[in-house]
Amino acid sequence: MSPTTQELDALSIQTAASFIPDNPNYSRLAAALLAEVIRKEVAGQGIESFSQSFLNIHRLGLALDQGIGIVQANKHCRAPDHSPAPRVPPVDSSLHRQRSKAS
């Protein structure tokens, strides 16, 4: 029987965490793997924003009513995008030289 994706995710996180005493950099790998598992779980619940998440925990009785107004008032605000900048392909200097000679 093949392992499930969830089992492989858990094993990957545990393996990375087991290497932390030898090399503390593995803590970043373990954290990144765990964050991806959490992202998949949350996306699987149809939650794609903080406001949706807050409304969900409020529905479960885990958040106070006062928070609803704040979340609703700021629902349009977006978190800063911390994704890495797109990679710019290296400039082909031979093309630059050809253009310079043509001028």
N, C-alpha and C. Protein backbone atom coordinates (compact mmCIF):
# COMPACT_ATOMS: atom_id res chain seq x y z
N MET A 1 0.84 -1.18 0.00
CA MET A 1 0.00 0.00 0.00
C MET A 1 0.89 1.25 0.00
N SER A 2 0.61 2.16 -0.90
CA SER A 2 1.40 3.39 -1.02
C SER A 2 1.03 4.38 0.08
N PRO A 3 2.02 5.14 0.54
CA PRO A 3 1.72 6.15 1.56
C PRO A 3 0.90 7.30 0.95
N THR A 4 0.10 7.94 1.78
CA THR A 4 -0.70 9.07 1.32
C THR A 4 0.16 10.33 1.26
N THR A 5 -0.35 11.34 0.61
CA THR A 5 0.35 12.62 0.55
C THR A 5 0.54 13.18 1.95
N GLN A 6 -0.49 13.04 2.79
CA GLN A 6 -0.40 13.54 4.16
C GLN A 6 0.70 12.82 4.93
N GLU A 7 0.83 11.51 4.73
CA GLU A 7 1.88 10.75 5.41
C GLU A 7 3.27 11.17 4.92
N LEU A 8 3.39 11.41 3.61
CA LEU A 8 4.67 11.85 3.06
C LEU A 8 5.02 13.25 3.56
N ASP A 9 4.02 14.13 3.64
CA ASP A 9 4.25 15.48 4.18
C ASP A 9 4.75 15.39 5.62
N ALA A 10 4.07 14.58 6.44
CA ALA A 10 4.46 14.44 7.85
C ALA A 10 5.87 13.86 7.97
N LEU A 11 6.17 12.87 7.16
CA LEU A 11 7.50 12.25 7.20
C LEU A 11 8.58 13.25 6.78
N SER A 12 8.28 14.07 5.76
CA SER A 12 9.25 15.08 5.32
C SER A 12 9.53 16.09 6.43
N ILE A 13 8.48 16.52 7.11
CA ILE A 13 8.65 17.50 8.20
C ILE A 13 9.44 16.87 9.35
N GLN A 14 9.08 15.65 9.72
CA GLN A 14 9.79 14.97 10.81
C GLN A 14 11.26 14.73 10.46
N THR A 15 11.52 14.37 9.22
CA THR A 15 12.91 14.13 8.80
C THR A 15 13.72 15.41 8.86
N ALA A 16 13.16 16.49 8.32
CA ALA A 16 13.87 17.78 8.37
C ALA A 16 14.11 18.20 9.83
N ALA A 17 13.10 18.03 10.67
CA ALA A 17 13.23 18.41 12.08
C ALA A 17 14.29 17.56 12.79
N SER A 18 14.43 16.30 12.41
CA SER A 18 15.41 15.43 13.06
C SER A 18 16.85 15.85 12.75
N PHE A 19 17.05 16.60 11.67
CA PHE A 19 18.39 17.06 11.30
C PHE A 19 18.76 18.39 11.96
N ILE A 20 17.81 19.03 12.63
CA ILE A 20 18.08 20.35 13.23
C ILE A 20 19.25 20.33 14.21
N PRO A 21 19.40 19.31 15.08
CA PRO A 21 20.56 19.32 15.99
C PRO A 21 21.91 19.33 15.25
N ASP A 22 21.95 18.71 14.09
CA ASP A 22 23.20 18.68 13.31
C ASP A 22 23.42 19.96 12.52
N ASN A 23 22.33 20.55 12.04
CA ASN A 23 22.42 21.77 11.24
C ASN A 23 21.14 22.57 11.46
N PRO A 24 21.21 23.66 12.23
CA PRO A 24 20.02 24.45 12.55
C PRO A 24 19.27 24.99 11.33
N ASN A 25 19.92 25.04 10.18
CA ASN A 25 19.23 25.52 8.97
C ASN A 25 18.05 24.62 8.58
N TYR A 26 18.07 23.38 9.04
CA TYR A 26 16.96 22.48 8.73
C TYR A 26 15.66 22.95 9.39
N SER A 27 15.76 23.83 10.40
CA SER A 27 14.55 24.37 11.01
C SER A 27 13.75 25.18 10.00
N ARG A 28 14.44 25.88 9.12
CA ARG A 28 13.75 26.66 8.08
C ARG A 28 13.04 25.74 7.09
N LEU A 29 13.69 24.64 6.74
CA LEU A 29 13.06 23.68 5.84
C LEU A 29 11.84 23.06 6.49
N ALA A 30 11.98 22.63 7.75
CA ALA A 30 10.85 22.02 8.45
C ALA A 30 9.69 23.01 8.56
N ALA A 31 9.99 24.27 8.85
CA ALA A 31 8.95 25.29 8.96
C ALA A 31 8.27 25.54 7.63
N ALA A 32 9.06 25.59 6.56
CA ALA A 32 8.48 25.82 5.23
C ALA A 32 7.58 24.66 4.82
N LEU A 33 8.01 23.44 5.12
CA LEU A 33 7.19 22.27 4.79
C LEU A 33 5.88 22.29 5.59
N LEU A 34 5.97 22.62 6.87
CA LEU A 34 4.78 22.70 7.71
C LEU A 34 3.84 23.80 7.23
N ALA A 35 4.40 24.95 6.87
CA ALA A 35 3.57 26.06 6.37
C ALA A 35 2.80 25.65 5.11
N GLU A 36 3.44 24.87 4.25
CA GLU A 36 2.77 24.41 3.03
C GLU A 36 1.64 23.44 3.36
N VAL A 37 1.85 22.57 4.35
CA VAL A 37 0.79 21.65 4.78
C VAL A 37 -0.41 22.44 5.31
N ILE A 38 -0.12 23.45 6.13
CA ILE A 38 -1.20 24.28 6.68
C ILE A 38 -1.91 25.02 5.56
N ARG A 39 -1.16 25.57 4.60
CA ARG A 39 -1.78 26.29 3.48
C ARG A 39 -2.73 25.37 2.72
N LYS A 40 -2.31 24.12 2.48
CA LYS A 40 -3.17 23.17 1.76
C LYS A 40 -4.43 22.84 2.57
N GLU A 41 -4.28 22.69 3.89
CA GLU A 41 -5.44 22.40 4.74
C GLU A 41 -6.44 23.53 4.70
N VAL A 42 -5.94 24.75 4.82
CA VAL A 42 -6.81 25.92 4.84
C VAL A 42 -7.49 26.09 3.48
N ALA A 43 -6.73 25.94 2.40
CA ALA A 43 -7.31 26.07 1.06
C ALA A 43 -8.37 24.99 0.83
N GLY A 44 -8.16 23.82 1.40
CA GLY A 44 -9.13 22.74 1.28
C GLY A 44 -10.46 23.05 1.96
N GLN A 45 -10.43 23.99 2.89
CA GLN A 45 -11.65 24.42 3.58
C GLN A 45 -12.30 25.61 2.88
N GLY A 46 -11.72 26.03 1.77
CA GLY A 46 -12.27 27.16 1.02
C GLY A 46 -11.93 28.51 1.63
N ILE A 47 -10.96 28.56 2.52
CA ILE A 47 -10.56 29.82 3.15
C ILE A 47 -9.38 30.38 2.39
N GLU A 48 -9.59 31.57 1.83
CA GLU A 48 -8.55 32.18 1.00
C GLU A 48 -8.10 33.54 1.50
N SER A 49 -8.67 34.01 2.61
CA SER A 49 -8.29 35.33 3.12
C SER A 49 -8.40 35.34 4.64
N PHE A 50 -7.79 36.37 5.24
CA PHE A 50 -7.87 36.50 6.69
C PHE A 50 -9.31 36.70 7.13
N SER A 51 -10.06 37.51 6.38
CA SER A 51 -11.44 37.78 6.79
C SER A 51 -12.27 36.49 6.77
N GLN A 52 -12.07 35.66 5.77
CA GLN A 52 -12.78 34.37 5.73
C GLN A 52 -12.37 33.49 6.91
N SER A 53 -11.09 33.51 7.23
CA SER A 53 -10.59 32.73 8.35
C SER A 53 -11.20 33.22 9.66
N PHE A 54 -11.23 34.54 9.84
CA PHE A 54 -11.79 35.09 11.07
C PHE A 54 -13.27 34.77 11.20
N LEU A 55 -14.01 34.91 10.10
CA LEU A 55 -15.44 34.58 10.15
C LEU A 55 -15.64 33.10 10.49
N ASN A 56 -14.76 32.26 10.00
CA ASN A 56 -14.87 30.83 10.30
C ASN A 56 -14.61 30.56 11.78
N ILE A 57 -13.56 31.17 12.37
CA ILE A 57 -13.29 30.91 13.78
C ILE A 57 -14.36 31.56 14.66
N HIS A 58 -14.95 32.68 14.19
CA HIS A 58 -16.06 33.29 14.94
C HIS A 58 -17.26 32.36 14.94
N ARG A 59 -17.55 31.76 13.80
CA ARG A 59 -18.67 30.83 13.70
C ARG A 59 -18.48 29.64 14.64
N LEU A 60 -17.22 29.25 14.85
CA LEU A 60 -16.92 28.15 15.76
C LEU A 60 -16.90 28.57 17.23
N GLY A 61 -17.11 29.88 17.48
CA GLY A 61 -17.13 30.38 18.85
C GLY A 61 -15.75 30.65 19.42
N LEU A 62 -14.76 30.80 18.56
CA LEU A 62 -13.39 31.01 19.02
C LEU A 62 -12.93 32.46 18.92
N ALA A 63 -13.80 33.36 18.47
CA ALA A 63 -13.45 34.78 18.36
C ALA A 63 -14.60 35.61 18.89
N LEU A 64 -14.28 36.75 19.44
CA LEU A 64 -15.29 37.64 20.02
C LEU A 64 -16.06 38.39 18.94
N ASP A 65 -17.29 38.78 19.27
CA ASP A 65 -18.14 39.52 18.33
C ASP A 65 -17.52 40.86 17.94
N GLN A 66 -16.78 41.50 18.85
CA GLN A 66 -16.19 42.80 18.55
C GLN A 66 -15.24 42.74 17.35
N GLY A 67 -14.65 41.61 17.12
CA GLY A 67 -13.71 41.48 16.01
C GLY A 67 -14.37 41.50 14.65
N ILE A 68 -15.64 41.09 14.59
CA ILE A 68 -16.35 41.03 13.30
C ILE A 68 -16.38 42.40 12.63
N GLY A 69 -16.73 43.44 13.40
CA GLY A 69 -16.79 44.79 12.82
C GLY A 69 -15.46 45.24 12.27
N ILE A 70 -14.40 44.95 13.00
CA ILE A 70 -13.05 45.36 12.56
C ILE A 70 -12.68 44.62 11.27
N VAL A 71 -12.94 43.33 11.25
CA VAL A 71 -12.61 42.54 10.07
C VAL A 71 -13.43 43.00 8.87
N GLN A 72 -14.73 43.21 9.07
CA GLN A 72 -15.59 43.65 7.96
C GLN A 72 -15.15 45.02 7.43
N ALA A 73 -14.77 45.92 8.34
CA ALA A 73 -14.36 47.27 7.92
C ALA A 73 -13.06 47.26 7.15
N ASN A 74 -12.22 46.28 7.40
CA ASN A 74 -10.91 46.23 6.75
C ASN A 74 -10.78 45.09 5.76
N LYS A 75 -11.90 44.53 5.36
CA LYS A 75 -11.91 43.38 4.47
C LYS A 75 -11.21 43.67 3.13
N HIS A 76 -11.29 44.90 2.69
CA HIS A 76 -10.70 45.27 1.39
C HIS A 76 -9.18 45.40 1.46
N CYS A 77 -8.61 45.52 2.66
CA CYS A 77 -7.16 45.67 2.80
C CYS A 77 -6.47 44.36 2.45
N ARG A 78 -5.37 44.48 1.77
CA ARG A 78 -4.62 43.27 1.39
C ARG A 78 -3.27 43.29 2.09
N ALA A 79 -2.83 42.12 2.43
CA ALA A 79 -1.51 41.98 3.06
C ALA A 79 -0.43 42.24 2.01
N PRO A 80 0.72 42.73 2.45
CA PRO A 80 1.80 42.93 1.48
C PRO A 80 2.23 41.61 0.86
N ASP A 81 2.61 41.68 -0.38
CA ASP A 81 3.05 40.49 -1.10
C ASP A 81 4.53 40.28 -0.81
N HIS A 82 4.86 39.20 -0.11
CA HIS A 82 6.24 38.90 0.24
C HIS A 82 6.83 37.82 -0.65
N SER A 83 6.16 37.55 -1.77
CA SER A 83 6.70 36.53 -2.66
C SER A 83 7.95 37.07 -3.33
N PRO A 84 8.87 36.19 -3.68
CA PRO A 84 10.12 36.66 -4.31
C PRO A 84 9.84 37.34 -5.64
N ALA A 85 10.66 38.32 -5.94
CA ALA A 85 10.51 39.03 -7.21
C ALA A 85 10.80 38.07 -8.36
N PRO A 86 10.13 38.27 -9.49
CA PRO A 86 10.39 37.37 -10.63
C PRO A 86 11.84 37.52 -11.08
N ARG A 87 12.40 36.41 -11.50
CA ARG A 87 13.78 36.43 -11.96
C ARG A 87 13.86 37.09 -13.33
N VAL A 88 14.80 37.96 -13.47
CA VAL A 88 15.03 38.64 -14.74
C VAL A 88 16.09 37.84 -15.49
N PRO A 89 15.80 37.46 -16.73
CA PRO A 89 16.82 36.70 -17.47
C PRO A 89 18.06 37.55 -17.69
N PRO A 90 19.22 36.93 -17.71
CA PRO A 90 20.46 37.70 -17.92
C PRO A 90 20.46 38.34 -19.30
N VAL A 91 21.08 39.48 -19.34
CA VAL A 91 21.17 40.21 -20.61
C VAL A 91 22.22 39.54 -21.49
N ASP A 92 21.87 39.33 -22.73
CA ASP A 92 22.81 38.74 -23.69
C ASP A 92 23.66 39.89 -24.23
N SER A 93 24.88 40.01 -23.75
CA SER A 93 25.73 41.13 -24.13
C SER A 93 26.07 41.13 -25.62
N SER A 94 26.04 39.99 -26.28
CA SER A 94 26.35 39.96 -27.71
C SER A 94 25.28 40.72 -28.50
N LEU A 95 24.02 40.65 -28.04
CA LEU A 95 22.95 41.41 -28.72
C LEU A 95 23.19 42.91 -28.55
N HIS A 96 23.64 43.31 -27.37
CA HIS A 96 23.91 44.72 -27.11
C HIS A 96 25.04 45.21 -28.03
N ARG A 97 26.08 44.42 -28.19
CA ARG A 97 27.21 44.81 -29.05
C ARG A 97 26.75 44.93 -30.51
N GLN A 98 25.87 44.01 -30.95
CA GLN A 98 25.39 44.05 -32.32
C GLN A 98 24.58 45.31 -32.56
N ARG A 99 23.74 45.68 -31.60
CA ARG A 99 22.95 46.92 -31.75
C ARG A 99 23.83 48.15 -31.77
N SER A 100 24.89 48.15 -30.93
CA SER A 100 25.79 49.30 -30.87
C SER A 100 26.52 49.48 -32.19
N LYS A 101 26.92 48.38 -32.82
CA LYS A 101 27.63 48.46 -34.10
C LYS A 101 26.70 48.92 -35.21
N ALA A 102 25.43 48.56 -35.14
CA ALA A 102 24.48 48.93 -36.17
C ALA A 102 24.16 50.42 -36.12
N SER A 103 24.33 51.07 -34.98
CA SER A 103 23.99 52.49 -34.85
C SER A 103 24.97 53.41 -35.48
